[in-house]
Protein backbone atom coordinates (compact mmCIF):
# COMPACT_ATOMS: atom_id res chain seq x y z
CA MET A 1 -149.74 31.74 153.30
CA ILE A 2 -146.13 30.93 152.44
CA ILE A 3 -147.05 27.30 151.64
CA PHE A 4 -149.88 28.52 149.42
CA ARG A 5 -147.50 30.82 147.56
CA LYS A 6 -144.99 28.02 147.06
CA TYR A 7 -147.56 25.61 145.67
CA TRP A 8 -149.28 28.14 143.40
CA GLY A 9 -146.11 30.13 142.67
CA TYR A 10 -146.23 29.89 138.89
CA HIS A 11 -149.95 30.54 138.75
CA GLN A 12 -149.71 33.54 141.06
CA LEU A 13 -147.26 35.54 138.96
CA PRO A 14 -148.97 38.88 138.28
CA SER A 15 -147.57 39.00 134.74
CA ARG A 16 -149.23 35.66 133.89
CA SER A 17 -152.56 36.11 135.64
CA PHE A 18 -155.75 38.03 135.01
CA PHE A 19 -157.19 40.54 137.45
CA ILE A 20 -160.76 41.65 138.04
CA CYS A 21 -161.20 44.71 140.29
CA SER A 22 -157.66 44.23 141.66
CA TYR A 23 -158.38 40.58 142.57
CA GLN A 24 -156.00 38.09 141.01
CA PHE A 25 -157.24 34.78 139.63
CA LEU A 26 -155.75 31.66 141.21
CA LEU A 27 -154.72 30.18 137.88
CA CYS A 28 -152.51 31.61 135.19
CA ALA A 29 -153.95 32.66 131.84
CA ARG A 30 -152.85 29.46 130.09
CA CYS A 31 -154.47 27.16 132.67
CA MET A 32 -157.66 29.20 132.54
CA GLY A 33 -157.68 28.74 128.78
CA ILE A 34 -157.17 24.99 129.20
CA LEU A 35 -160.12 24.75 131.58
CA LEU A 36 -162.36 26.80 129.27
CA GLY A 37 -161.34 24.73 126.25
CA GLU A 38 -162.02 21.48 128.10
CA LEU A 39 -165.43 22.71 129.26
CA ILE A 40 -166.54 23.75 125.78
CA ALA A 41 -165.17 20.55 124.21
CA ILE A 42 -167.06 18.40 126.74
CA ILE A 43 -170.28 20.29 125.98
CA MET A 44 -169.72 19.82 122.24
CA ALA A 45 -168.88 16.13 122.72
CA ALA A 46 -172.16 15.70 124.61
CA ASP A 47 -173.91 17.07 121.50
CA ASN A 48 -171.91 14.60 119.38
CA ILE A 49 -169.83 17.34 117.71
CA ILE A 50 -166.30 15.96 117.51
CA PHE A 51 -163.33 17.07 115.41
CA PRO A 52 -161.28 14.38 113.65
CA PHE A 53 -158.35 12.95 115.58
CA ARG A 54 -155.66 14.59 113.44
CA TYR A 55 -157.19 18.07 113.93
CA ASN A 56 -157.17 17.58 117.67
CA LEU A 57 -153.49 16.67 117.53
CA TRP A 58 -152.81 19.92 115.66
CA LEU A 59 -154.69 21.85 118.36
CA LEU A 60 -152.34 20.40 120.97
CA MET A 61 -149.33 21.75 119.13
CA SER A 62 -150.26 25.40 119.74
CA MET A 63 -149.47 25.28 123.44
CA VAL A 64 -146.51 22.96 122.98
CA MET A 65 -144.97 25.39 120.50
CA ASP A 66 -145.71 28.49 122.60
CA GLY A 67 -144.28 26.94 125.77
CA SER A 68 -141.25 25.46 123.99
CA ILE A 69 -140.36 28.74 122.30
CA GLN A 70 -140.55 30.52 125.67
CA LEU A 71 -138.38 27.86 127.29
CA ILE A 72 -135.68 27.82 124.61
CA THR A 73 -135.50 31.51 123.66
CA SER A 74 -135.89 34.83 125.45
CA TYR A 75 -139.35 35.31 123.90
CA GLU A 76 -142.08 36.04 126.45
CA SER A 77 -145.69 35.35 125.46
CA ASN A 78 -148.50 37.66 126.58
CA ASN A 79 -151.69 36.65 128.37
CA ILE A 80 -153.84 36.77 125.23
CA LYS A 81 -151.55 34.30 123.46
CA ARG A 82 -151.43 32.15 126.59
CA ILE A 83 -155.20 31.91 126.98
CA ILE A 84 -155.66 31.17 123.25
CA SER A 85 -152.99 28.46 123.19
CA GLY A 86 -154.36 27.02 126.43
CA PHE A 87 -157.92 27.04 125.05
CA LEU A 88 -156.84 25.22 121.89
CA PHE A 89 -154.87 22.69 123.95
CA GLY A 90 -157.80 22.06 126.31
CA PHE A 91 -160.16 21.64 123.39
CA GLY A 92 -157.75 19.31 121.61
CA ILE A 93 -156.95 17.12 124.62
CA VAL A 94 -160.62 16.39 125.25
CA GLY A 95 -161.02 15.46 121.58
CA VAL A 96 -158.00 13.17 121.68
CA LEU A 97 -159.12 11.48 124.90
CA PHE A 98 -162.69 11.11 123.63
CA GLU A 99 -161.45 9.54 120.40
CA LEU A 100 -159.16 7.13 122.28
CA ILE A 101 -161.99 6.09 124.59
CA VAL A 102 -164.31 5.48 121.63
CA ARG A 103 -161.64 3.44 119.82
CA MET A 104 -160.91 1.35 122.92
CA TRP A 105 -164.62 0.83 123.51
CA LYS A 106 -165.08 -0.45 119.94
CA TYR A 107 -162.05 -2.73 120.38
CA VAL A 108 -163.43 -4.19 123.63
CA LEU A 109 -166.86 -4.88 122.17
């Protein structure tokens, strides 16, 4: 159990995790948001609904700004802000990767 706690230490912090019926999720709020954003973006990409590249880059900035502000200052984000910034990042990273794959595919052909 000690090895498990070391590996998942950041994600197991009670202040950064969600609980359901006193059971703690394995991932922190931000990582859960990233996974949800990626899942929804993949579903939308399968339906050929893609945001332009520059919008996806802006979506990435939400988590970068939230994490950077927490690192540099004494500001502490809450779980709602973490899951929203993680969701936007997850959504944006799938859009960026999808756009890069499409551009490389067109370049190869």
